[in-house]
Each structure stands twice: as C-alpha cells, then as structure tokens.
C-alpha cells in the first residue's frame, strides 16, 4: 500500500463525480457508507463537480460529501481529495484564485483541511512559479495537507518539481492521469517515468473508460441515448471490443466481474497506488471493491497488456 500523509491508501479510491448528479443524496450516502465499511479511505472529488449538469453550478459533490462527513462520524477514517481550476467562479490557477477556491471547498466539505489538493488542469496563463507558491502557502497555512497534479504533461510536472526544489516549496506527492486499458499512451509515454523519478503516487481516473470496460456496453444499441454515449462511443472499435472480450475471459477464470479485472490491471501498473472508480448506486460497488483484493497472474497481465496495446495502434 502507498501512504498519503502517513496514512496507507486502500486499493480503490472512490470517485465522487456522481454525488449530487447521477447519484441522489440518499444513494451517495449509501455508497459512501458501503465503501468505508469495506475499508475504503480515500474519496476523490473536485470543486467543479457537477457544473456541467443542467441547473448545477459546481460544488454539488463537495456539498453532498461534506454533509455525509458531518453525519457519519467517519472523518477520522477517510481522506478527502479535491481539485481546483475548473469551477465556473474560480477558473485557473492564479494565487488569488487558488486560495479563494480552496476556502470555498473547505466550507462545502466542512473540514479543517483537505488531505490531498490537486491542480486539476494546467493553467498556461499563470506562471507556474505563482501556482506552486500558492499551493505551498495552503500547506503552510494548514488548509491542505498534500499537493497533487492532474492532467499535466510530463514536462510541466518536472518543471513544478524544479521550481519547488529551487524555492524550497512543498512538492507534489500524487499524480492523477487518465489511464485505463483502452487509453494507455498518455501515461505510459512520459508521465509514468516522471512518477517513478519523483516517487509520485498515481491515482488513474476514467479507470473503467466511462463504463466501457465494465462490459455493459457491447453494441452501439446498448449505448444509444445513455448519458455516457459521447464519452464511450470512440471505444467501439474492433480493438476496443477485443479488450472487453479478454476481460471477460480473465474475469471468468477468477470468478469476478470484468470491471474488477480492469481495475486490478491498473493496480498492478508501475507507480499506481490505486485506481479511482465511481459507483452510482451501492449495487455497483462490490465489483469495484473486489479489485483491491484481486492480484492478477503474470499470464493475465501479459494477455491484457498485449491485447490492449493494439487499441489505437
């Protein structure tokens, strides 16, 4: 297990993007209860969740999570990760914006400190020196405990570390890239090496390719009219469907679900601390949690590596 702030991270991070969006508050709380009862201890959200939904303005996920933290009594058992740069009222990573957005997130979450705070997307308009100093200031003020980077190029991650070292600033400890069996290139072509060099804990998002790797979308008809249609349609290629077929085969060997295998594959990849996955309702959670206990064989990993390498080839 990998530790954040001295706390070992469970083998699955619970994504909070569904809270207050596709999961109503009651279902969100049931999912959170089930996750923590199973030993889960890191919940990943962002200030922008779910500003894209009609009638939403951002912060909905943090509000739902904050209410659960208040009534569950489990704050001391879980770590909370959130992000800044994409909220409609707090776009970008200027120093003033980072501080204001963090203060708002702290209020919505109802916590004294955010355990892991990510720069959600790089902001090329703001000097990286300014952003790195702003995050360091949050750490020194006790508003956040650790820094993470998401959706950064390898070059910009290395530049952040250079700035931190030269100016005695708090360095990042975590990286959150898009990474899964049908989306490998971004991480493996550069970010993986940076993560190894800087000993970053990696928490992949879109671990199940927006549901494609669960096997529930086998045909275009399965997807038609669904909320995730636009996010998943590009995976419907012969190579992509071959990956799903291989997941079926490996899952059958282990008597688990395809989603479990897809997450277990990620868990075994270099520098990956734990994949992030979301459950809209509690019934979806067991297959995700099972990945934390599943160790794939070398043969399983080789077969999945080879078949998934053909995606986009």
Protein backbone atom coordinates (compact mmCIF):
# COMPACT_ATOMS: atom_id res chain seq x y z
CA UNK A 1 0.00 0.00 0.00
CA UNK A 2 1.04 3.61 -0.65
CA UNK A 3 0.73 6.22 2.09
CA UNK A 4 -0.58 9.77 1.81
CA UNK A 5 0.12 11.98 4.82
CA UNK A 6 1.28 8.87 6.65
CA UNK A 7 -1.98 7.01 6.01
CA UNK A 8 -1.96 3.90 3.83
CA UNK A 9 -4.37 4.19 0.91
CA UNK A 10 -6.90 1.43 0.29
CA UNK A 11 -6.63 -0.33 -3.08
CA UNK A 12 -9.57 1.56 -4.57
CA UNK A 13 -10.26 5.30 -4.46
CA UNK A 14 -13.95 6.23 -4.55
CA UNK A 15 -14.75 8.81 -7.20
CA UNK A 16 -17.19 11.49 -6.12
CA UNK A 17 -18.21 12.82 -9.53
CA UNK A 18 -21.63 11.13 -9.31
CA UNK A 19 -22.57 12.66 -5.93
CA UNK A 20 -25.46 15.06 -6.34
CA UNK A 21 -25.55 14.34 -10.09
CA UNK A 22 -26.38 10.79 -11.22
CA UNK A 23 -26.49 9.72 -7.57
CA UNK A 24 -29.01 11.49 -5.38
CA UNK A 25 -28.01 12.30 -1.83
CA UNK A 26 -29.50 9.12 -0.34
CA UNK A 27 -27.71 6.85 -2.80
CA UNK A 28 -24.49 8.84 -2.41
CA UNK A 29 -24.56 8.29 1.34
CA UNK A 30 -25.23 4.58 0.93
CA UNK A 31 -22.30 4.28 -1.46
CA UNK A 32 -20.05 6.18 0.95
CA UNK A 33 -21.17 4.02 3.87
CA UNK A 34 -20.51 0.80 1.96
CA UNK A 35 -17.13 1.98 0.71
CA UNK A 36 -15.84 2.96 4.14
CA UNK A 37 -17.30 -0.14 5.80
CA UNK A 38 -15.24 -2.21 3.35
CA UNK A 39 -12.07 -0.40 4.43
CA UNK A 40 -12.01 2.34 1.79
CA UNK A 41 -10.35 5.53 2.98
CA UNK A 42 -9.79 7.99 0.09
CA UNK A 43 -12.63 9.86 -1.64
CA UNK A 44 -11.85 11.91 -4.73
CA UNK A 45 -13.95 14.93 -5.67
CA UNK A 46 -13.49 18.37 -7.28
CA UNK A 47 -14.98 21.82 -6.89
CA UNK A 48 -16.33 21.68 -10.46
CA UNK A 49 -18.45 18.54 -9.91
CA UNK A 50 -21.13 18.76 -11.32
CA UNK A 51 -21.25 22.19 -13.02
CA UNK A 52 -21.92 20.53 -16.40
CA UNK A 53 -25.37 19.28 -15.34
CA UNK A 54 -28.45 21.43 -16.07
CA UNK A 55 -29.28 23.62 -13.10
CA UNK A 56 -25.96 22.93 -11.37
CA UNK A 57 -23.25 25.49 -10.68
CA UNK A 58 -20.40 23.36 -9.30
CA UNK A 59 -19.66 22.24 -5.77
CA UNK A 60 -22.60 19.82 -5.61
CA UNK A 61 -20.37 16.80 -4.99
CA UNK A 62 -18.43 18.54 -2.23
CA UNK A 63 -21.68 19.58 -0.53
CA UNK A 64 -23.06 16.03 -0.55
CA UNK A 65 -19.74 14.63 0.68
CA UNK A 66 -19.49 17.31 3.38
CA UNK A 67 -22.96 16.51 4.71
CA UNK A 68 -22.10 12.82 4.84
CA UNK A 69 -18.87 13.55 6.70
CA UNK A 70 -20.85 15.59 9.22
CA UNK A 71 -23.47 12.93 9.95
CA UNK A 72 -21.40 9.75 9.53
CA UNK A 73 -18.76 10.47 12.14
CA UNK A 74 -16.14 8.97 9.82
CA UNK A 75 -13.97 11.99 9.08
CA UNK A 76 -11.11 10.49 11.07
CA UNK A 77 -11.29 7.31 8.95
CA UNK A 78 -11.23 8.83 5.48
CA UNK A 79 -9.08 11.17 3.45
CA UNK A 80 -10.61 13.69 1.09
CA UNK A 81 -9.08 14.75 -2.21
CA UNK A 82 -10.42 17.75 -4.14
CA UNK A 83 -9.29 19.91 -7.04
CA UNK A 84 -9.10 23.50 -8.27
CA UNK A 85 -9.04 25.30 -11.64
CA UNK A 86 -12.31 24.34 -13.34
CA UNK A 87 -15.10 25.77 -11.17
CA UNK A 88 -17.02 28.41 -13.19
CA UNK A 89 -16.47 31.02 -10.48
CA UNK A 90 -12.84 30.04 -9.85
CA UNK A 91 -11.19 29.22 -13.18
CA UNK A 92 -7.45 28.92 -13.46
CA UNK A 93 -4.57 28.67 -11.03
CA UNK A 94 -3.61 32.21 -10.09
CA UNK A 95 -2.61 32.62 -6.45
CA UNK A 96 -5.73 34.57 -5.50
CA UNK A 97 -7.96 32.07 -7.28
CA UNK A 98 -6.33 29.02 -5.70
CA UNK A 99 -6.76 30.47 -2.21
CA UNK A 100 -10.36 31.57 -2.78
CA UNK A 101 -11.36 28.24 -4.33
CA UNK A 102 -9.72 26.29 -1.52
CA UNK A 103 -11.59 28.33 1.08
CA UNK A 104 -14.89 27.61 -0.70
CA UNK A 105 -14.12 23.89 -0.91
CA UNK A 106 -13.28 23.80 2.80
CA UNK A 107 -16.65 25.37 3.58
CA UNK A 108 -18.58 22.95 1.34
CA UNK A 109 -16.74 19.94 2.71
CA UNK A 110 -16.99 21.14 6.30
CA UNK A 111 -13.40 20.12 7.06
CA UNK A 112 -10.43 21.92 8.61
CA UNK A 113 -8.04 20.70 5.91
CA UNK A 114 -8.23 18.95 2.54
CA UNK A 115 -5.98 15.89 2.68
CA UNK A 116 -4.94 15.97 -0.99
CA UNK A 117 -5.49 19.04 -3.17
CA UNK A 118 -4.96 18.81 -6.92
CA UNK A 119 -4.23 21.36 -9.57
CA UNK A 120 -7.00 19.96 -11.77
CA UNK A 121 -5.83 21.20 -15.19
CA UNK A 122 -2.72 23.14 -16.07
CA UNK A 123 -3.13 26.91 -16.46
CA UNK A 124 -0.67 28.15 -19.06
CA UNK A 125 -1.71 31.76 -18.48
CA UNK A 126 -0.41 31.76 -14.92
CA UNK A 127 3.32 31.41 -14.20
CA UNK A 128 3.98 28.00 -12.70
CA UNK A 129 6.07 29.68 -10.01
CA UNK A 130 2.96 31.55 -8.84
CA UNK A 131 0.82 28.41 -8.74
CA UNK A 132 3.43 26.29 -6.96
CA UNK A 133 3.90 29.03 -4.34
CA UNK A 134 0.13 29.31 -3.84
CA UNK A 135 -0.19 25.58 -3.14
CA UNK A 136 2.79 25.72 -0.78
CA UNK A 137 1.11 28.58 1.08
CA UNK A 138 -2.03 26.46 1.54
CA UNK A 139 0.09 23.68 3.05
CA UNK A 140 1.89 26.07 5.39
CA UNK A 141 -1.45 27.56 6.48
CA UNK A 142 -2.81 24.09 7.24
CA UNK A 143 -5.63 24.34 4.70
CA UNK A 144 -4.36 21.39 2.68
CA UNK A 145 -2.08 18.53 3.70
CA UNK A 146 -0.62 17.39 0.38
CA UNK A 147 -0.41 18.51 -3.25
CA UNK A 148 -1.41 16.59 -6.37
CA UNK A 149 -1.27 17.28 -10.10
CA UNK A 150 -3.89 16.20 -12.64
CA UNK A 151 -3.88 16.49 -16.43
CA UNK A 152 -0.34 17.85 -16.60
CA UNK A 153 2.22 16.98 -19.25
CA UNK A 154 5.43 15.25 -18.15
CA UNK A 155 7.40 18.41 -18.92
CA UNK A 156 5.19 20.58 -16.74
CA UNK A 157 5.30 18.09 -13.86
CA UNK A 158 9.10 18.16 -14.00
CA UNK A 159 9.04 21.96 -14.12
CA UNK A 160 6.84 22.11 -11.00
CA UNK A 161 9.36 19.92 -9.17
CA UNK A 162 12.26 22.08 -10.34
CA UNK A 163 10.53 25.20 -9.03
CA UNK A 164 9.67 23.52 -5.74
CA UNK A 165 13.24 22.37 -5.18
CA UNK A 166 14.83 25.70 -6.11
CA UNK A 167 12.45 27.71 -3.92
CA UNK A 168 12.07 25.30 -1.01
CA UNK A 169 8.37 24.81 -1.71
CA UNK A 170 6.23 21.82 -0.83
CA UNK A 171 6.49 19.29 -3.66
CA UNK A 172 3.56 17.29 -5.07
CA UNK A 173 3.08 13.73 -3.85
CA UNK A 174 0.37 12.50 -6.23
CA UNK A 175 -0.48 12.38 -9.90
CA UNK A 176 -3.96 11.84 -11.36
CA UNK A 177 -3.85 11.00 -15.07
CA UNK A 178 -6.41 9.49 -17.41
CA UNK A 179 -5.32 5.88 -17.70
CA UNK A 180 -7.04 2.58 -18.48
CA UNK A 181 -6.80 -0.45 -20.74
CA UNK A 182 -8.05 1.46 -23.79
CA UNK A 183 -6.26 4.74 -23.01
CA UNK A 184 -2.62 3.97 -22.22
CA UNK A 185 -0.41 6.25 -24.28
CA UNK A 186 -0.65 9.48 -22.27
CA UNK A 187 0.56 7.87 -19.06
CA UNK A 188 2.98 5.31 -20.42
CA UNK A 189 4.73 7.62 -22.90
CA UNK A 190 6.10 10.04 -20.32
CA UNK A 191 4.12 10.51 -17.13
CA UNK A 192 4.99 7.05 -15.82
CA UNK A 193 8.70 7.85 -15.93
CA UNK A 194 8.17 11.17 -14.15
CA UNK A 195 6.08 9.42 -11.48
CA UNK A 196 8.86 6.89 -10.95
CA UNK A 197 11.58 9.54 -10.86
CA UNK A 198 9.74 11.70 -8.33
CA UNK A 199 8.08 8.83 -6.43
CA UNK A 200 4.58 10.13 -7.09
CA UNK A 201 1.58 8.06 -6.04
CA UNK A 202 -0.56 7.65 -9.17
CA UNK A 203 -4.36 7.57 -9.00
CA UNK A 204 -5.78 6.98 -12.51
CA UNK A 205 -9.17 8.44 -13.40
CA UNK A 206 -11.58 7.10 -16.04
CA UNK A 207 -10.23 3.74 -14.87
CA UNK A 208 -13.16 1.96 -16.48
CA UNK A 209 -13.26 4.15 -19.60
CA UNK A 210 -16.59 5.72 -18.62
CA UNK A 211 -18.13 2.28 -18.16
CA UNK A 212 -16.89 0.68 -21.39
CA UNK A 213 -14.60 -1.70 -19.50
CA UNK A 214 -17.44 -2.97 -17.32
CA UNK A 215 -18.78 -4.79 -20.37
CA UNK A 216 -22.23 -3.27 -20.12
CA UNK A 217 -21.89 -1.56 -23.49
CA UNK A 218 -21.38 -4.30 -26.07
CA UNK A 219 -23.05 -2.67 -29.04
CA UNK A 220 -23.92 0.81 -30.24
CA UNK A 221 -27.52 0.00 -29.36
CA UNK A 222 -26.52 -0.60 -25.72
CA UNK A 223 -25.15 2.93 -25.61
CA UNK A 224 -27.75 4.84 -27.61
CA UNK A 225 -29.44 7.53 -25.54
CA UNK A 226 -27.27 6.96 -22.45
CA UNK A 227 -25.63 9.89 -20.64
CA UNK A 228 -22.18 8.49 -21.38
CA UNK A 229 -22.76 7.98 -25.11
CA UNK A 230 -20.44 10.77 -26.17
CA UNK A 231 -17.69 9.62 -23.80
CA UNK A 232 -17.74 5.96 -24.77
CA UNK A 233 -18.52 5.85 -28.48
CA UNK A 234 -14.88 6.19 -29.56
CA UNK A 235 -14.00 2.92 -27.82
CA UNK A 236 -16.35 0.95 -30.08
CA UNK A 237 -13.65 -0.35 -32.39
CA UNK A 238 -12.68 -3.97 -33.08
CA UNK A 239 -9.57 -3.48 -30.92
CA UNK A 240 -11.58 -1.96 -28.08
CA UNK A 241 -14.13 -4.76 -28.12
CA UNK A 242 -11.30 -7.31 -28.14
CA UNK A 243 -10.14 -5.83 -24.83
CA UNK A 244 -13.62 -6.34 -23.37
CA UNK A 245 -13.62 -9.94 -24.61
CA UNK A 246 -10.25 -10.56 -22.91
CA UNK A 247 -11.58 -9.01 -19.70
CA UNK A 248 -14.49 -11.46 -19.90
CA UNK A 249 -12.09 -14.38 -20.21
CA UNK A 250 -9.86 -13.34 -17.31
CA UNK A 251 -12.87 -12.45 -15.16
CA UNK A 252 -14.34 -15.92 -15.71
CA UNK A 253 -11.07 -17.52 -14.60
CA UNK A 254 -11.18 -15.57 -11.33
CA UNK A 255 -14.96 -15.68 -10.85
CA UNK A 256 -15.21 -11.90 -10.79
CA UNK A 257 -16.67 -9.14 -12.96
CA UNK A 258 -14.83 -7.58 -15.94
CA UNK A 259 -14.67 -4.26 -14.08
CA UNK A 260 -12.81 -5.97 -11.24
CA UNK A 261 -10.16 -7.22 -13.66
CA UNK A 262 -9.80 -3.84 -15.40
CA UNK A 263 -9.15 -2.15 -12.06
CA UNK A 264 -6.82 -4.91 -10.85
CA UNK A 265 -4.75 -4.48 -14.02
CA UNK A 266 -4.34 -0.79 -13.23
CA UNK A 267 -3.47 -1.53 -9.62
CA UNK A 268 -0.53 -3.63 -10.83
CA UNK A 269 0.89 -0.99 -13.17
CA UNK A 270 4.07 0.95 -12.29
CA UNK A 271 3.63 3.65 -9.62
CA UNK A 272 -0.16 3.19 -9.48
CA UNK A 273 -1.28 3.48 -5.86
CA UNK A 274 -4.95 2.81 -6.54
CA UNK A 275 -7.40 3.39 -9.39
CA UNK A 276 -10.31 5.78 -8.99
CA UNK A 277 -13.79 4.45 -9.76
CA UNK A 278 -17.30 5.72 -9.12
CA UNK A 279 -20.45 3.87 -8.14
CA UNK A 280 -23.80 5.49 -8.92
CA UNK A 281 -25.65 3.10 -6.59
CA UNK A 282 -24.45 0.69 -3.87
CA UNK A 283 -25.08 -2.37 -6.07
CA UNK A 284 -22.25 -1.26 -8.37
CA UNK A 285 -19.70 -1.11 -5.56
CA UNK A 286 -18.86 -4.80 -4.85
CA UNK A 287 -17.26 -5.34 -8.27
CA UNK A 288 -15.10 -2.26 -7.71
CA UNK A 289 -14.08 -3.16 -4.17
CA UNK A 290 -13.13 -6.68 -5.27
CA UNK A 291 -10.27 -5.20 -7.31
CA UNK A 292 -8.49 -4.20 -4.10
CA UNK A 293 -8.24 -7.90 -3.21
CA UNK A 294 -7.52 -9.34 -6.67
CA UNK A 295 -3.95 -9.98 -7.75
CA UNK A 296 -3.77 -10.94 -11.40
CA UNK A 297 -1.29 -13.58 -12.56
CA UNK A 298 1.67 -12.75 -14.75
CA UNK A 299 -0.15 -14.53 -17.58
CA UNK A 300 -3.26 -12.41 -17.04
CA UNK A 301 -1.22 -9.22 -17.12
CA UNK A 302 0.65 -10.26 -20.25
CA UNK A 303 -2.55 -11.14 -22.11
CA UNK A 304 -4.23 -7.86 -21.15
CA UNK A 305 -1.10 -5.87 -21.98
CA UNK A 306 -0.85 -7.40 -25.43
CA UNK A 307 -4.49 -7.09 -26.42
CA UNK A 308 -4.84 -3.53 -25.11
CA UNK A 309 -1.63 -2.42 -26.83
CA UNK A 310 -3.48 -2.82 -30.16
CA UNK A 311 -6.01 -0.10 -29.26
CA UNK A 312 -5.11 2.96 -31.28
CA UNK A 313 -2.24 1.12 -32.96
